[in-house]
C-alpha atoms as a PDB file:
ATOM      1  CA  MET A   1     -17.826 -11.633 -28.758  1.00  0.00           C
ATOM      2  CA  THR A   2     -20.540 -14.051 -27.643  1.00  0.00           C
ATOM      3  CA  ALA A   3     -21.808 -13.968 -24.067  1.00  0.00           C
ATOM      4  CA  TRP A   4     -19.317 -15.237 -21.528  1.00  0.00           C
ATOM      5  CA  SER A   5     -19.226 -16.379 -17.927  1.00  0.00           C
ATOM      6  CA  TYR A   6     -16.635 -17.162 -15.275  1.00  0.00           C
ATOM      7  CA  SER A   7     -16.733 -20.866 -16.127  1.00  0.00           C
ATOM      8  CA  ARG A   8     -16.197 -20.203 -19.849  1.00  0.00           C
ATOM      9  CA  VAL A   9     -13.216 -17.948 -19.275  1.00  0.00           C
ATOM     10  CA  ASN A  10     -11.834 -20.426 -16.778  1.00  0.00           C
ATOM     11  CA  SER A  11     -12.120 -23.181 -19.407  1.00  0.00           C
ATOM     12  CA  PHE A  12     -10.031 -21.095 -21.807  1.00  0.00           C
ATOM     13  CA  LYS A  13      -7.497 -20.380 -19.071  1.00  0.00           C
ATOM     14  CA  GLN A  14      -7.183 -24.128 -18.418  1.00  0.00           C
ATOM     15  CA  CYS A  15      -6.916 -25.051 -22.089  1.00  0.00           C
ATOM     16  CA  PRO A  16      -7.852 -23.115 -25.262  1.00  0.00           C
ATOM     17  CA  LYS A  17      -8.449 -26.397 -27.101  1.00  0.00           C
ATOM     18  CA  LYS A  18     -10.999 -27.465 -24.508  1.00  0.00           C
ATOM     19  CA  TYR A  19     -12.722 -24.080 -24.815  1.00  0.00           C
ATOM     20  CA  TYR A  20     -12.803 -24.434 -28.612  1.00  0.00           C
ATOM     21  CA  HIS A  21     -14.549 -27.797 -28.573  1.00  0.00           C
ATOM     22  CA  LEU A  22     -16.998 -26.841 -25.843  1.00  0.00           C
ATOM     23  CA  TYR A  23     -18.004 -23.345 -26.928  1.00  0.00           C
ATOM     24  CA  VAL A  24     -16.859 -22.692 -30.518  1.00  0.00           C
ATOM     25  CA  LYS A  25     -17.118 -25.916 -32.476  1.00  0.00           C
ATOM     26  CA  LYS A  26     -19.560 -27.333 -29.894  1.00  0.00           C
ATOM     27  CA  ASP A  27     -18.834 -30.929 -30.831  1.00  0.00           C
ATOM     28  CA  VAL A  28     -18.200 -31.964 -27.224  1.00  0.00           C
ATOM     29  CA  LYS A  29     -20.373 -31.741 -24.125  1.00  0.00           C
ATOM     30  CA  ASP A  30     -19.042 -31.684 -20.587  1.00  0.00           C
ATOM     31  CA  THR A  31     -21.259 -34.013 -18.545  1.00  0.00           C
ATOM     32  CA  GLY A  32     -19.299 -33.238 -15.410  1.00  0.00           C
ATOM     33  CA  SER A  33     -17.371 -35.348 -12.953  1.00  0.00           C
ATOM     34  CA  VAL A  34     -18.257 -37.014  -9.673  1.00  0.00           C
ATOM     35  CA  ALA A  35     -17.048 -33.854  -7.912  1.00  0.00           C
ATOM     36  CA  THR A  36     -19.131 -31.462 -10.020  1.00  0.00           C
ATOM     37  CA  ARG A  37     -22.247 -33.616  -9.678  1.00  0.00           C
ATOM     38  CA  TYR A  38     -21.759 -33.668  -5.914  1.00  0.00           C
ATOM     39  CA  GLY A  39     -21.396 -29.888  -5.970  1.00  0.00           C
ATOM     40  CA  THR A  40     -24.711 -29.577  -7.804  1.00  0.00           C
ATOM     41  CA  LEU A  41     -26.468 -31.682  -5.149  1.00  0.00           C
ATOM     42  CA  VAL A  42     -25.002 -29.560  -2.351  1.00  0.00           C
ATOM     43  CA  HIS A  43     -26.057 -26.334  -4.067  1.00  0.00           C
ATOM     44  CA  THR A  44     -29.594 -27.661  -4.530  1.00  0.00           C
ATOM     45  CA  ALA A  45     -29.844 -28.669  -0.880  1.00  0.00           C
ATOM     46  CA  ALA A  46     -28.626 -25.219   0.230  1.00  0.00           C
ATOM     47  CA  GLU A  47     -31.088 -23.457  -2.077  1.00  0.00           C
ATOM     48  CA  GLU A  48     -34.039 -25.525  -0.876  1.00  0.00           C
ATOM     49  CA  TYR A  49     -33.084 -24.962   2.766  1.00  0.00           C
ATOM     50  CA  ILE A  50     -32.868 -21.178   2.497  1.00  0.00           C
ATOM     51  CA  LYS A  51     -35.461 -20.491  -0.186  1.00  0.00           C
ATOM     52  CA  ASP A  52     -38.121 -23.061   0.682  1.00  0.00           C
ATOM     53  CA  GLY A  53     -37.360 -23.873   4.316  1.00  0.00           C
ATOM     54  CA  LYS A  54     -36.875 -27.522   3.407  1.00  0.00           C
ATOM     55  CA  ASP A  55     -34.963 -29.676   5.884  1.00  0.00           C
ATOM     56  CA  LEU A  56     -31.388 -30.487   4.983  1.00  0.00           C
ATOM     57  CA  PRO A  57     -30.806 -34.130   4.128  1.00  0.00           C
ATOM     58  CA  LYS A  58     -28.882 -35.833   6.934  1.00  0.00           C
ATOM     59  CA  LYS A  59     -25.797 -36.245   4.745  1.00  0.00           C
ATOM     60  CA  TYR A  60     -25.486 -32.441   4.452  1.00  0.00           C
ATOM     61  CA  ASP A  61     -25.651 -31.713   8.187  1.00  0.00           C
ATOM     62  CA  PHE A  62     -22.078 -30.403   7.987  1.00  0.00           C
ATOM     63  CA  MET A  63     -23.299 -27.119   6.483  1.00  0.00           C
ATOM     64  CA  GLN A  64     -26.274 -26.559   8.810  1.00  0.00           C
ATOM     65  CA  ARG A  65     -24.539 -23.941  10.986  1.00  0.00           C
ATOM     66  CA  THR A  66     -23.192 -22.080   7.955  1.00  0.00           C
ATOM     67  CA  LEU A  67     -26.584 -21.898   6.273  1.00  0.00           C
ATOM     68  CA  ASP A  68     -28.258 -20.856   9.520  1.00  0.00           C
ATOM     69  CA  ALA A  69     -25.782 -17.976   9.795  1.00  0.00           C
ATOM     70  CA  PHE A  70     -26.721 -16.829   6.292  1.00  0.00           C
ATOM     71  CA  ASN A  71     -30.420 -17.253   7.070  1.00  0.00           C
ATOM     72  CA  ASN A  72     -30.051 -14.963  10.078  1.00  0.00           C
ATOM     73  CA  ILE A  73     -28.761 -12.062   7.959  1.00  0.00           C
ATOM     74  CA  GLU A  74     -31.487  -9.472   7.478  1.00  0.00           C
ATOM     75  CA  GLY A  75     -32.633  -8.741   3.944  1.00  0.00           C
ATOM     76  CA  ASP A  76     -34.367 -10.171   0.909  1.00  0.00           C
ATOM     77  CA  LYS A  77     -32.764 -13.490  -0.005  1.00  0.00           C
ATOM     78  CA  HIS A  78     -32.330 -14.557  -3.617  1.00  0.00           C
ATOM     79  CA  CYS A  79     -31.048 -18.071  -4.332  1.00  0.00           C
ATOM     80  CA  GLU A  80     -29.374 -18.998  -7.623  1.00  0.00           C
ATOM     81  CA  ILE A  81     -30.166 -15.553  -9.002  1.00  0.00           C
ATOM     82  CA  ARG A  82     -29.234 -15.013 -12.636  1.00  0.00           C
ATOM     83  CA  LEU A  83     -27.472 -11.744 -13.463  1.00  0.00           C
ATOM     84  CA  GLY A  84     -27.062 -10.439 -16.996  1.00  0.00           C
ATOM     85  CA  VAL A  85     -24.930  -7.483 -18.083  1.00  0.00           C
ATOM     86  CA  ALA A  86     -24.897  -5.735 -21.460  1.00  0.00           C
ATOM     87  CA  LYS A  87     -21.872  -3.717 -22.599  1.00  0.00           C
ATOM     88  CA  TYR A  88     -21.975  -0.724 -24.931  1.00  0.00           C
ATOM     89  CA  ASP A  89     -18.471   0.671 -25.481  1.00  0.00           C
ATOM     90  CA  ASP A  90     -17.441   1.571 -21.909  1.00  0.00           C
ATOM     91  CA  ALA A  91     -20.976   1.591 -20.496  1.00  0.00           C
ATOM     92  CA  TYR A  92     -22.715  -1.289 -18.742  1.00  0.00           C
ATOM     93  CA  GLU A  93     -26.420  -1.934 -18.320  1.00  0.00           C
ATOM     94  CA  PRO A  94     -28.538  -4.651 -16.701  1.00  0.00           C
ATOM     95  CA  THR A  95     -30.200  -7.064 -19.106  1.00  0.00           C
ATOM     96  CA  LYS A  96     -31.979 -10.403 -19.106  1.00  0.00           C
ATOM     97  CA  PHE A  97     -29.850 -13.514 -18.677  1.00  0.00           C
ATOM     98  CA  PHE A  98     -30.699 -14.790 -22.164  1.00  0.00           C
ATOM     99  CA  ALA A  99     -31.230 -11.425 -23.882  1.00  0.00           C
ATOM    100  CA  LYS A 100     -29.734 -10.864 -27.323  1.00  0.00           C
ATOM    101  CA  ASP A 101     -27.535  -8.073 -25.976  1.00  0.00           C
ATOM    102  CA  VAL A 102     -26.191  -9.978 -22.957  1.00  0.00           C
ATOM    103  CA  TRP A 103     -22.413  -9.689 -22.654  1.00  0.00           C
ATOM    104  CA  TYR A 104     -21.748 -11.330 -19.268  1.00  0.00           C
ATOM    105  CA  ARG A 105     -23.767 -13.971 -17.433  1.00  0.00           C
ATOM    106  CA  GLY A 106     -23.322 -14.818 -13.757  1.00  0.00           C
ATOM    107  CA  ILE A 107     -25.292 -16.822 -11.209  1.00  0.00           C
ATOM    108  CA  ALA A 108     -25.045 -15.924  -7.523  1.00  0.00           C
ATOM    109  CA  ASP A 109     -25.673 -18.868  -5.186  1.00  0.00           C
ATOM    110  CA  LEU A 110     -27.070 -16.513  -2.550  1.00  0.00           C
ATOM    111  CA  LEU A 111     -27.651 -12.768  -2.737  1.00  0.00           C
ATOM    112  CA  ILE A 112     -29.104 -10.925   0.254  1.00  0.00           C
ATOM    113  CA  LEU A 113     -30.290  -7.371  -0.386  1.00  0.00           C
ATOM    114  CA  ASN A 114     -30.815  -4.963   2.489  1.00  0.00           C
ATOM    115  CA  GLU A 115     -31.367  -1.420   1.197  1.00  0.00           C
ATOM    116  CA  ASP A 116     -27.932  -0.080   0.128  1.00  0.00           C
ATOM    117  CA  LYS A 117     -26.058  -3.143   1.453  1.00  0.00           C
ATOM    118  CA  ALA A 118     -25.789  -6.641   0.046  1.00  0.00           C
ATOM    119  CA  TYR A 119     -24.278  -9.998   0.934  1.00  0.00           C
ATOM    120  CA  LEU A 120     -23.007 -12.251  -1.826  1.00  0.00           C
ATOM    121  CA  ILE A 121     -22.242 -15.917  -1.182  1.00  0.00           C
ATOM    122  CA  ASP A 122     -20.788 -18.568  -3.481  1.00  0.00           C
ATOM    123  CA  TYR A 123     -20.756 -22.115  -2.136  1.00  0.00           C
ATOM    124  CA  LYS A 124     -17.716 -24.288  -2.765  1.00  0.00           C
ATOM    125  CA  THR A 125     -17.466 -28.028  -2.129  1.00  0.00           C
ATOM    126  CA  GLY A 126     -13.709 -28.401  -2.540  1.00  0.00           C
ATOM    127  CA  LYS A 127     -11.739 -30.101   0.208  1.00  0.00           C
ATOM    128  CA  SER A 128      -9.308 -27.173   0.376  1.00  0.00           C
ATOM    129  CA  ALA A 129      -9.543 -23.400   0.027  1.00  0.00           C
ATOM    130  CA  ASN A 130      -5.849 -22.982  -0.772  1.00  0.00           C
ATOM    131  CA  TYR A 131      -6.443 -22.111  -4.428  1.00  0.00           C
ATOM    132  CA  ALA A 132      -9.601 -20.058  -4.020  1.00  0.00           C
ATOM    133  CA  ASP A 133     -10.189 -17.641  -6.903  1.00  0.00           C
ATOM    134  CA  THR A 134     -11.916 -14.526  -5.579  1.00  0.00           C
ATOM    135  CA  LYS A 135     -12.123 -13.024  -9.066  1.00  0.00           C
ATOM    136  CA  GLN A 136     -15.403 -14.893  -9.373  1.00  0.00           C
ATOM    137  CA  LEU A 137     -16.707 -12.752  -6.511  1.00  0.00           C
ATOM    138  CA  ASP A 138     -15.442  -9.616  -8.250  1.00  0.00           C
ATOM    139  CA  LEU A 139     -17.411 -10.457 -11.384  1.00  0.00           C
ATOM    140  CA  LEU A 140     -20.593 -11.198  -9.483  1.00  0.00           C
ATOM    141  CA  ALA A 141     -20.214  -8.060  -7.370  1.00  0.00           C
ATOM    142  CA  GLY A 142     -19.839  -5.947 -10.501  1.00  0.00           C
ATOM    143  CA  ALA A 143     -22.983  -7.517 -11.939  1.00  0.00           C
ATOM    144  CA  VAL A 144     -24.896  -6.883  -8.702  1.00  0.00           C
ATOM    145  CA  PHE A 145     -23.946  -3.183  -8.698  1.00  0.00           C
ATOM    146  CA  ILE A 146     -25.099  -2.894 -12.316  1.00  0.00           C
ATOM    147  CA  ASN A 147     -28.383  -4.754 -11.760  1.00  0.00           C
ATOM    148  CA  PHE A 148     -29.143  -3.186  -8.369  1.00  0.00           C
ATOM    149  CA  PRO A 149     -27.859   0.413  -8.500  1.00  0.00           C
ATOM    150  CA  GLU A 150     -29.232   1.137  -5.025  1.00  0.00           C
ATOM    151  CA  VAL A 151     -26.554  -1.173  -3.571  1.00  0.00           C
ATOM    152  CA  LYS A 152     -23.437   0.717  -2.500  1.00  0.00           C
ATOM    153  CA  LYS A 153     -21.512  -1.929  -0.569  1.00  0.00           C
ATOM    154  CA  ILE A 154     -21.271  -5.712  -0.795  1.00  0.00           C
ATOM    155  CA  LYS A 155     -19.828  -8.192   1.662  1.00  0.00           C
ATOM    156  CA  SER A 156     -19.008 -11.251  -0.393  1.00  0.00           C
ATOM    157  CA  ALA A 157     -17.507 -14.641   0.330  1.00  0.00           C
ATOM    158  CA  LEU A 158     -16.531 -18.012  -1.021  1.00  0.00           C
ATOM    159  CA  SER A 159     -18.006 -20.404   1.512  1.00  0.00           C
ATOM    160  CA  PHE A 160     -16.191 -23.741   1.494  1.00  0.00           C
ATOM    161  CA  VAL A 161     -18.920 -25.734   3.196  1.00  0.00           C
ATOM    162  CA  VAL A 162     -17.048 -29.067   3.274  1.00  0.00           C
ATOM    163  CA  CYS A 163     -13.741 -27.915   4.768  1.00  0.00           C
ATOM    164  CA  ASN A 164     -15.428 -25.096   6.735  1.00  0.00           C
ATOM    165  CA  LYS A 165     -13.348 -22.252   5.293  1.00  0.00           C
ATOM    166  CA  PHE A 166     -14.583 -18.755   4.532  1.00  0.00           C
ATOM    167  CA  ILE A 167     -12.808 -16.428   2.081  1.00  0.00           C
ATOM    168  CA  ALA A 168     -14.291 -12.944   2.429  1.00  0.00           C
ATOM    169  CA  LYS A 169     -14.048  -9.729   0.402  1.00  0.00           C
ATOM    170  CA  GLU A 170     -15.704  -6.340   0.398  1.00  0.00           C
ATOM    171  CA  HIS A 171     -16.785  -4.445  -2.709  1.00  0.00           C
ATOM    172  CA  THR A 172     -17.908  -0.847  -3.198  1.00  0.00           C
ATOM    173  CA  ALA A 173     -20.071   0.588  -5.952  1.00  0.00           C
ATOM    174  CA  ASP A 174     -17.525   3.171  -7.062  1.00  0.00           C
ATOM    175  CA  MET A 175     -15.218   0.340  -8.183  1.00  0.00           C
ATOM    176  CA  TYR A 176     -17.772  -1.680 -10.150  1.00  0.00           C
ATOM    177  CA  LYS A 177     -16.000  -1.283 -13.504  1.00  0.00           C
ATOM    178  CA  SER A 178     -12.771  -2.754 -12.161  1.00  0.00           C
ATOM    179  CA  TYR A 179     -14.753  -5.762 -10.901  1.00  0.00           C
ATOM    180  CA  ILE A 180     -16.662  -6.459 -14.098  1.00  0.00           C
ATOM    181  CA  ASN A 181     -13.459  -5.989 -16.129  1.00  0.00           C
ATOM    182  CA  VAL A 182     -11.300  -8.286 -14.020  1.00  0.00           C
ATOM    183  CA  PHE A 183     -10.937 -10.756 -16.902  1.00  0.00           C
ATOM    184  CA  ASP A 184     -10.301  -8.239 -19.693  1.00  0.00           C
ATOM    185  CA  GLU A 185      -6.864  -9.691 -20.486  1.00  0.00           C
ATOM    186  CA  LEU A 186      -8.243 -13.224 -20.871  1.00  0.00           C
ATOM    187  CA  LEU A 187     -11.169 -11.969 -22.941  1.00  0.00           C
ATOM    188  CA  GLU A 188      -8.706 -10.273 -25.277  1.00  0.00           C
ATOM    189  CA  ARG A 189      -6.782 -13.528 -25.604  1.00  0.00           C
ATOM    190  CA  ILE A 190     -10.005 -15.348 -26.489  1.00  0.00           C
ATOM    191  CA  GLU A 191     -10.771 -12.764 -29.179  1.00  0.00           C
ATOM    192  CA  VAL A 192      -7.271 -13.152 -30.641  1.00  0.00           C
ATOM    193  CA  ALA A 193      -7.598 -16.955 -30.641  1.00  0.00           C
ATOM    194  CA  ALA A 194     -10.955 -16.675 -32.417  1.00  0.00           C
ATOM    195  CA  LYS A 195      -9.633 -14.204 -34.971  1.00  0.00           C
ATOM    196  CA  GLU A 196      -6.584 -16.319 -35.785  1.00  0.00           C
ATOM    197  CA  ASP A 197      -8.421 -19.617 -35.263  1.00  0.00           C
ATOM    198  CA  VAL A 198      -5.596 -20.927 -33.090  1.00  0.00           C
ATOM    199  CA  TRP A 199      -6.602 -22.998 -30.064  1.00  0.00           C
ATOM    200  CA  ASN A 200      -3.496 -24.636 -28.640  1.00  0.00           C
ATOM    201  CA  ALA A 201      -3.849 -27.454 -26.131  1.00  0.00           C
ATOM    202  CA  VAL A 202      -2.329 -27.050 -22.672  1.00  0.00           C
ATOM    203  CA  GLU A 203      -1.234 -30.229 -20.919  1.00  0.00           C
ATOM    204  CA  SER A 204      -1.918 -30.381 -17.191  1.00  0.00           C
ATOM    205  CA  GLY A 205      -3.173 -32.609 -14.421  1.00  0.00           C
ATOM    206  CA  LEU A 206      -6.709 -31.702 -15.502  1.00  0.00           C
ATOM    207  CA  CYS A 207      -6.327 -33.580 -18.797  1.00  0.00           C
ATOM    208  CA  LYS A 208      -7.563 -36.797 -17.186  1.00  0.00           C
ATOM    209  CA  PHE A 209     -10.924 -35.108 -16.519  1.00  0.00           C
ATOM    210  CA  CYS A 210     -11.280 -33.391 -19.896  1.00  0.00           C
ATOM    211  CA  PRO A 211     -14.230 -34.358 -22.139  1.00  0.00           C
ATOM    212  CA  VAL A 212     -12.205 -33.655 -25.316  1.00  0.00           C
ATOM    213  CA  THR A 213     -11.137 -37.253 -25.883  1.00  0.00           C
ATOM    214  CA  SER A 214      -9.711 -36.493 -29.341  1.00  0.00           C
ATOM    215  CA  CYS A 215      -6.907 -34.424 -27.801  1.00  0.00           C
ATOM    216  CA  GLU A 216      -3.442 -35.997 -27.784  1.00  0.00           C
ATOM    217  CA  HIS A 217      -3.048 -35.143 -24.101  1.00  0.00           C
ATOM    218  CA  ASN A 218      -6.321 -36.704 -22.969  1.00  0.00           C
ATOM    219  CA  ARG A 219      -5.775 -39.453 -20.403  1.00  0.00           C
ATOM    220  CA  ARG A 220      -9.311 -40.696 -19.884  1.00  0.00           C
END
């Protein structure tokens, strides 16, 4: 199987047909929506504030206190850090993000390393945290344990900077395999779809945002 990420698996979960056109046939590109482009701007502002000490633009003042709290945590801070994991049978090893043997790719918005402890933050710009998916944190935590074996415990969180919500989890090194394998069932479904070359469309409220305009359910 080719290298995967949370966003790729999530695309398949939303709609196998969308996944097929984006990542298999590659005849469609997702240029994003207004919401995703806004999210990118927020992430960039947060990175520049913590990494470079750059002032937050006035329009992002709403996340000043949150970012200051993260800045006050002791440890080495890594913004938008790329984590690669290689898989050999049931063994996992760190690898470069674009290495030939990379199996999983993840990007942590903020990783703070302090000896055997770490803090893992993923910024979210949604207006509600009601449907927060903490499996993304599980994946990233597993990748951190594999890439930084000195880390034994991680405090992680989805930080909803717009609606000021904080969804926290804790991860321990002894459970790293369960974290990195949290999407095994979906990965198996992707392999079956690829083997049988069957990519059925799933109609949902997300169809109006889908870049696959050739689909019968597309409502763009």
